[in-house]
Amino acid sequence: MTAVSLSVQYATQASYVPTKQQLARWVRAAVRVETEVTIRFVDAEEGRALNSAYRGKDYATNVLTFPLTEEPHLMGDIIICAPVVESEAHAQQKTLEAHYAHLTVHGVLHLHGYDHETEPQAELMESLEITILQKLGYANPYLFTQDA
């Protein structure tokens, strides 16, 4: 099994966020090399400020990934905005747990260098997410019903 060092920060007032044990399971399923990662759960204000500062987008987004280094092992930070995740899960008729699992795996794949800027990159990343999540017992995260 690949070595994983996981730190979790809860900077949100959300009523539900995953436990460190859940996160460790999801991270381990997605990593390919020794990894050190911090996952920080934030509220909309911090999520918006980070998205604005680092991506130039003035809104809170569901997940931001900050790869720090690949040597001597993979290291980075993943920021998950709890209110955005809750809103998306509701709109997509998913459980919060399944959506958090998806976004955690998504963030870890970003740490590994995967992206979704082009159609081929997006298809590869999505296929990896689907495979990893199915192994974890979750449905395809891209099959959902969008509310009107």
Protein backbone atom coordinates (compact mmCIF):
# COMPACT_ATOMS: atom_id res chain seq x y z
CA MET A 1 0.00 0.00 0.00
CA THR A 2 1.23 3.48 -0.88
CA ALA A 3 2.20 5.66 2.10
CA VAL A 4 -0.14 8.57 2.72
CA SER A 5 0.25 11.38 5.24
CA LEU A 6 -3.06 13.18 5.66
CA SER A 7 -3.82 16.35 7.59
CA VAL A 8 -7.38 17.67 7.80
CA GLN A 9 -8.51 21.18 8.70
CA TYR A 10 -12.15 21.99 9.44
CA ALA A 11 -12.68 25.74 8.90
CA THR A 12 -16.41 25.55 8.22
CA GLN A 13 -19.67 25.62 10.08
CA ALA A 14 -21.19 22.99 7.77
CA SER A 15 -23.38 20.43 9.49
CA TYR A 16 -21.71 17.52 7.69
CA VAL A 17 -18.14 17.10 6.51
CA PRO A 18 -16.33 13.79 6.09
CA THR A 19 -14.26 12.32 8.89
CA LYS A 20 -10.51 11.92 8.63
CA GLN A 21 -11.05 8.17 8.32
CA GLN A 22 -13.36 8.61 5.32
CA LEU A 23 -10.93 11.03 3.69
CA ALA A 24 -7.98 8.68 4.25
CA ARG A 25 -9.87 5.87 2.51
CA TRP A 26 -10.71 8.07 -0.48
CA VAL A 27 -7.21 9.54 -0.75
CA ARG A 28 -5.57 6.10 -0.55
CA ALA A 29 -7.82 4.86 -3.37
CA ALA A 30 -6.64 7.67 -5.66
CA VAL A 31 -2.92 8.01 -4.93
CA ARG A 32 -0.29 6.29 -7.05
CA VAL A 33 2.85 7.36 -5.16
CA GLU A 34 3.85 8.34 -1.64
CA THR A 35 1.73 11.39 -0.85
CA GLU A 36 1.48 14.09 1.80
CA VAL A 37 -1.75 16.07 1.57
CA THR A 38 -3.70 18.57 3.62
CA ILE A 39 -7.44 18.79 3.03
CA ARG A 40 -9.09 21.96 4.31
CA PHE A 41 -12.86 22.39 4.47
CA VAL A 42 -13.89 26.03 4.18
CA ASP A 43 -17.00 28.19 4.09
CA ALA A 44 -18.02 30.26 1.07
CA GLU A 45 -16.14 33.42 2.10
CA GLU A 46 -12.75 31.70 2.27
CA GLY A 47 -13.53 29.61 -0.82
CA ARG A 48 -14.37 32.74 -2.79
CA ALA A 49 -11.25 34.59 -1.58
CA LEU A 50 -8.97 31.69 -2.55
CA ASN A 51 -10.62 31.20 -5.94
CA SER A 52 -10.32 34.92 -6.62
CA ALA A 53 -6.69 35.14 -5.50
CA TYR A 54 -5.42 32.04 -7.30
CA ARG A 55 -7.72 31.65 -10.29
CA GLY A 56 -9.07 35.17 -10.81
CA LYS A 57 -12.66 33.92 -10.41
CA ASP A 58 -14.85 35.88 -8.00
CA TYR A 59 -16.97 33.04 -6.65
CA ALA A 60 -16.59 30.07 -4.35
CA THR A 61 -15.90 26.82 -6.21
CA ASN A 62 -16.27 23.25 -4.98
CA VAL A 63 -12.60 22.21 -4.89
CA LEU A 64 -9.22 23.87 -5.37
CA THR A 65 -6.00 21.92 -5.58
CA PHE A 66 -2.55 23.31 -4.88
CA PRO A 67 0.24 20.89 -5.86
CA LEU A 68 3.39 21.84 -3.94
CA THR A 69 6.02 19.33 -5.07
CA GLU A 70 6.46 15.97 -6.75
CA GLU A 71 9.87 15.15 -5.25
CA PRO A 72 10.82 13.37 -3.07
CA HIS A 73 7.11 12.56 -2.88
CA LEU A 74 3.83 14.10 -3.96
CA MET A 75 2.76 16.95 -1.70
CA GLY A 76 -0.10 19.44 -1.87
CA ASP A 77 -3.21 21.03 -0.45
CA ILE A 78 -6.85 20.46 -1.37
CA ILE A 79 -9.46 23.05 -0.42
CA ILE A 80 -13.10 21.93 -0.39
CA CYS A 81 -15.85 24.52 0.00
CA ALA A 82 -18.57 22.87 2.08
CA PRO A 83 -21.53 25.14 1.13
CA VAL A 84 -20.82 24.67 -2.58
CA VAL A 85 -20.57 20.89 -2.14
CA GLU A 86 -23.88 20.84 -0.24
CA SER A 87 -25.60 22.90 -2.93
CA GLU A 88 -24.24 20.75 -5.76
CA ALA A 89 -25.11 17.48 -4.04
CA HIS A 90 -28.68 18.67 -3.55
CA ALA A 91 -29.00 19.94 -7.14
CA GLN A 92 -27.51 16.72 -8.55
CA GLN A 93 -29.56 14.51 -6.20
CA LYS A 94 -26.46 12.88 -4.71
CA THR A 95 -25.62 12.11 -1.13
CA LEU A 96 -23.18 14.49 0.51
CA GLU A 97 -20.86 11.58 1.24
CA ALA A 98 -20.73 10.51 -2.42
CA HIS A 99 -20.10 14.06 -3.61
CA TYR A 100 -17.35 14.63 -1.04
CA ALA A 101 -15.77 11.32 -2.08
CA HIS A 102 -15.84 12.43 -5.71
CA LEU A 103 -14.31 15.83 -5.02
CA THR A 104 -11.62 14.32 -2.82
CA VAL A 105 -10.64 11.87 -5.56
CA HIS A 106 -10.83 14.72 -8.09
CA GLY A 107 -8.47 16.84 -5.99
CA VAL A 108 -5.99 13.99 -5.55
CA LEU A 109 -5.93 13.38 -9.30
CA HIS A 110 -5.14 17.08 -9.77
CA LEU A 111 -2.20 16.61 -7.39
CA HIS A 112 -1.03 13.83 -9.71
CA GLY A 113 -1.09 16.28 -12.61
CA TYR A 114 -4.38 15.28 -14.22
CA ASP A 115 -6.49 18.11 -15.60
CA HIS A 116 -9.68 18.74 -17.53
CA GLU A 117 -8.76 21.75 -19.66
CA THR A 118 -9.20 19.89 -22.95
CA GLU A 119 -11.72 17.24 -23.95
CA PRO A 120 -9.18 14.36 -24.04
CA GLN A 121 -7.79 15.40 -20.62
CA ALA A 122 -11.32 15.64 -19.20
CA GLU A 123 -12.28 12.22 -20.57
CA LEU A 124 -9.19 10.61 -19.05
CA MET A 125 -9.65 12.28 -15.67
CA GLU A 126 -13.37 11.44 -15.55
CA SER A 127 -12.73 7.79 -16.46
CA LEU A 128 -10.18 7.53 -13.63
CA GLU A 129 -12.62 9.14 -11.19
CA ILE A 130 -15.41 6.77 -12.22
CA THR A 131 -13.17 3.70 -11.82
CA ILE A 132 -11.80 4.78 -8.43
CA LEU A 133 -15.24 5.72 -7.08
CA GLN A 134 -16.79 2.46 -8.27
CA LYS A 135 -14.04 0.54 -6.43
CA LEU A 136 -15.02 2.54 -3.34
CA GLY A 137 -18.69 1.59 -3.82
CA TYR A 138 -19.98 4.89 -5.23
CA ALA A 139 -21.95 5.43 -8.42
CA ASN A 140 -20.63 7.20 -11.50
CA PRO A 141 -20.49 10.85 -10.34
CA TYR A 142 -21.26 12.11 -13.83
CA LEU A 143 -24.67 10.42 -14.00
CA PHE A 144 -27.02 12.76 -12.20
CA THR A 145 -30.31 14.55 -12.65
CA GLN A 146 -29.92 18.33 -12.82
CA ASP A 147 -32.72 20.26 -11.10
CA ALA A 148 -34.40 22.89 -13.26
